[in-house]
Amino acid sequence: MTTRQTISFPDDVATALADVPSGQVSAYVTEAVRRRIQSDAARVALRAAGHREFPFDPVASAGRLADAAVSADVHRAAVDRLAAAVGGDREDLAARLGRSAEAAGW
């Protein structure tokens, strides 16, 4: 089932949507809303687990990351817990996390 909606966008969003082929705008917006729903649910779960939430601020975030060095023991313990939680191979998971961190510039 679908519902037709009429919505307004700020100019910068409207400009970005103008680049999306006309037959794909609904799918594009639907994907964005679904991602936001998932992001909001993850944020709620993280808050419930005791994690703080920070406003979107890439410069401050980079500073917090630089100041929040994790010891090798803490890192190993976290990877062990994650591997146990997802039922994955610890070494494979550690390697994948390492590649992701390198790609992110950490």
C-alpha atoms as a PDB file:
ATOM      1  CA  MET A   1       0.000   0.000   0.000  1.00  0.00           C
ATOM      2  CA  THR A   2       1.187   3.520  -0.710  1.00  0.00           C
ATOM      3  CA  THR A   3       0.010   6.949   0.365  1.00  0.00           C
ATOM      4  CA  ARG A   4       0.441  10.100  -1.655  1.00  0.00           C
ATOM      5  CA  GLN A   5       1.907  13.047   0.292  1.00  0.00           C
ATOM      6  CA  THR A   6       2.675  16.628  -0.606  1.00  0.00           C
ATOM      7  CA  ILE A   7       5.719  17.950   1.235  1.00  0.00           C
ATOM      8  CA  SER A   8       7.976  21.004   1.106  1.00  0.00           C
ATOM      9  CA  PHE A   9      11.776  20.885   1.140  1.00  0.00           C
ATOM     10  CA  PRO A  10      14.426  23.488   1.906  1.00  0.00           C
ATOM     11  CA  ASP A  11      16.150  24.784  -1.212  1.00  0.00           C
ATOM     12  CA  ASP A  12      19.313  22.703  -0.731  1.00  0.00           C
ATOM     13  CA  VAL A  13      17.295  19.470  -0.474  1.00  0.00           C
ATOM     14  CA  ALA A  14      15.104  20.429  -3.431  1.00  0.00           C
ATOM     15  CA  THR A  15      18.240  21.083  -5.484  1.00  0.00           C
ATOM     16  CA  ALA A  16      19.641  17.661  -4.596  1.00  0.00           C
ATOM     17  CA  LEU A  17      16.321  15.985  -5.439  1.00  0.00           C
ATOM     18  CA  ALA A  18      16.267  17.746  -8.806  1.00  0.00           C
ATOM     19  CA  ASP A  19      19.249  15.562  -9.784  1.00  0.00           C
ATOM     20  CA  VAL A  20      17.286  12.367  -9.063  1.00  0.00           C
ATOM     21  CA  PRO A  21      15.424  11.011 -12.117  1.00  0.00           C
ATOM     22  CA  SER A  22      11.735  11.910 -11.791  1.00  0.00           C
ATOM     23  CA  GLY A  23      10.579   8.289 -11.653  1.00  0.00           C
ATOM     24  CA  GLN A  24      12.925   7.559  -8.738  1.00  0.00           C
ATOM     25  CA  VAL A  25      12.237  10.449  -6.352  1.00  0.00           C
ATOM     26  CA  SER A  26       9.721   8.500  -4.248  1.00  0.00           C
ATOM     27  CA  ALA A  27      12.113   5.559  -3.890  1.00  0.00           C
ATOM     28  CA  TYR A  28      14.952   7.946  -3.013  1.00  0.00           C
ATOM     29  CA  VAL A  29      12.933   9.712  -0.321  1.00  0.00           C
ATOM     30  CA  THR A  30      11.570   6.392   0.978  1.00  0.00           C
ATOM     31  CA  GLU A  31      15.105   5.037   1.376  1.00  0.00           C
ATOM     32  CA  ALA A  32      16.193   8.201   3.205  1.00  0.00           C
ATOM     33  CA  VAL A  33      13.239   8.020   5.613  1.00  0.00           C
ATOM     34  CA  ARG A  34      13.814   4.309   6.276  1.00  0.00           C
ATOM     35  CA  ARG A  35      17.484   4.999   7.023  1.00  0.00           C
ATOM     36  CA  ARG A  36      16.443   7.739   9.443  1.00  0.00           C
ATOM     37  CA  ILE A  37      14.005   5.370  11.151  1.00  0.00           C
ATOM     38  CA  GLN A  38      16.821   2.834  11.596  1.00  0.00           C
ATOM     39  CA  SER A  39      19.190   5.537  12.808  1.00  0.00           C
ATOM     40  CA  ASP A  40      16.646   6.804  15.341  1.00  0.00           C
ATOM     41  CA  ALA A  41      16.040   3.267  16.624  1.00  0.00           C
ATOM     42  CA  ALA A  42      19.782   2.687  16.990  1.00  0.00           C
ATOM     43  CA  ARG A  43      20.137   6.004  18.823  1.00  0.00           C
ATOM     44  CA  VAL A  44      17.357   5.022  21.244  1.00  0.00           C
ATOM     45  CA  ALA A  45      19.016   1.645  21.871  1.00  0.00           C
ATOM     46  CA  LEU A  46      22.383   3.288  22.480  1.00  0.00           C
ATOM     47  CA  ARG A  47      20.864   5.800  24.910  1.00  0.00           C
ATOM     48  CA  ALA A  48      19.099   2.931  26.722  1.00  0.00           C
ATOM     49  CA  ALA A  49      22.480   1.185  27.030  1.00  0.00           C
ATOM     50  CA  GLY A  50      23.940   4.282  28.665  1.00  0.00           C
ATOM     51  CA  HIS A  51      25.728   5.903  25.737  1.00  0.00           C
ATOM     52  CA  ARG A  52      25.754   9.678  25.465  1.00  0.00           C
ATOM     53  CA  GLU A  53      24.463  11.387  22.371  1.00  0.00           C
ATOM     54  CA  PHE A  54      26.453  14.165  20.761  1.00  0.00           C
ATOM     55  CA  PRO A  55      25.169  16.787  18.306  1.00  0.00           C
ATOM     56  CA  PHE A  56      26.369  16.591  14.712  1.00  0.00           C
ATOM     57  CA  ASP A  57      29.738  18.322  14.847  1.00  0.00           C
ATOM     58  CA  PRO A  58      32.449  16.627  12.762  1.00  0.00           C
ATOM     59  CA  VAL A  59      35.285  18.800  14.106  1.00  0.00           C
ATOM     60  CA  ALA A  60      34.401  18.174  17.759  1.00  0.00           C
ATOM     61  CA  SER A  61      33.810  14.488  16.999  1.00  0.00           C
ATOM     62  CA  ALA A  62      37.284  14.177  15.510  1.00  0.00           C
ATOM     63  CA  GLY A  63      38.708  15.798  18.637  1.00  0.00           C
ATOM     64  CA  ARG A  64      36.823  13.401  20.918  1.00  0.00           C
ATOM     65  CA  LEU A  65      38.076  10.460  18.880  1.00  0.00           C
ATOM     66  CA  ALA A  66      41.649  11.694  19.101  1.00  0.00           C
ATOM     67  CA  ASP A  67      41.327  12.160  22.881  1.00  0.00           C
ATOM     68  CA  ALA A  68      39.635   8.819  23.471  1.00  0.00           C
ATOM     69  CA  ALA A  69      42.456   6.385  22.809  1.00  0.00           C
ATOM     70  CA  VAL A  70      41.512   2.844  23.810  1.00  0.00           C
ATOM     71  CA  SER A  71      44.091   0.552  25.342  1.00  0.00           C
ATOM     72  CA  ALA A  72      44.908  -2.693  23.537  1.00  0.00           C
ATOM     73  CA  ASP A  73      43.397  -4.713  26.403  1.00  0.00           C
ATOM     74  CA  VAL A  74      40.102  -2.824  26.272  1.00  0.00           C
ATOM     75  CA  HIS A  75      40.036  -3.137  22.477  1.00  0.00           C
ATOM     76  CA  ARG A  76      40.666  -6.901  22.630  1.00  0.00           C
ATOM     77  CA  ALA A  77      37.937  -7.349  25.241  1.00  0.00           C
ATOM     78  CA  ALA A  78      35.458  -5.358  23.138  1.00  0.00           C
ATOM     79  CA  VAL A  79      36.239  -7.386  20.005  1.00  0.00           C
ATOM     80  CA  ASP A  80      35.868 -10.600  22.030  1.00  0.00           C
ATOM     81  CA  ARG A  81      32.431  -9.491  23.318  1.00  0.00           C
ATOM     82  CA  LEU A  82      31.314  -8.449  19.829  1.00  0.00           C
ATOM     83  CA  ALA A  83      32.476 -11.734  18.292  1.00  0.00           C
ATOM     84  CA  ALA A  84      30.613 -13.672  20.993  1.00  0.00           C
ATOM     85  CA  ALA A  85      27.471 -11.570  20.468  1.00  0.00           C
ATOM     86  CA  VAL A  86      27.376 -12.047  16.708  1.00  0.00           C
ATOM     87  CA  GLY A  87      28.712 -15.590  16.741  1.00  0.00           C
ATOM     88  CA  GLY A  88      31.589 -14.687  14.442  1.00  0.00           C
ATOM     89  CA  ASP A  89      35.225 -15.612  14.259  1.00  0.00           C
ATOM     90  CA  ARG A  90      37.182 -13.269  16.525  1.00  0.00           C
ATOM     91  CA  GLU A  91      40.226 -12.921  14.250  1.00  0.00           C
ATOM     92  CA  ASP A  92      38.114 -12.299  11.144  1.00  0.00           C
ATOM     93  CA  LEU A  93      36.054  -9.706  12.999  1.00  0.00           C
ATOM     94  CA  ALA A  94      39.181  -7.974  14.336  1.00  0.00           C
ATOM     95  CA  ALA A  95      40.633  -7.825  10.815  1.00  0.00           C
ATOM     96  CA  ARG A  96      37.382  -6.423   9.372  1.00  0.00           C
ATOM     97  CA  LEU A  97      37.158  -3.798  12.117  1.00  0.00           C
ATOM     98  CA  GLY A  98      40.784  -2.849  11.488  1.00  0.00           C
ATOM     99  CA  ARG A  99      40.139  -2.376   7.775  1.00  0.00           C
ATOM    100  CA  SER A 100      37.052  -0.274   8.534  1.00  0.00           C
ATOM    101  CA  ALA A 101      39.021   1.898  10.948  1.00  0.00           C
ATOM    102  CA  GLU A 102      41.805   2.424   8.415  1.00  0.00           C
ATOM    103  CA  ALA A 103      39.284   3.332   5.724  1.00  0.00           C
ATOM    104  CA  ALA A 104      37.749   5.880   8.092  1.00  0.00           C
ATOM    105  CA  GLY A 105      41.175   7.361   8.795  1.00  0.00           C
ATOM    106  CA  TRP A 106      41.358   6.258  12.457  1.00  0.00           C
END
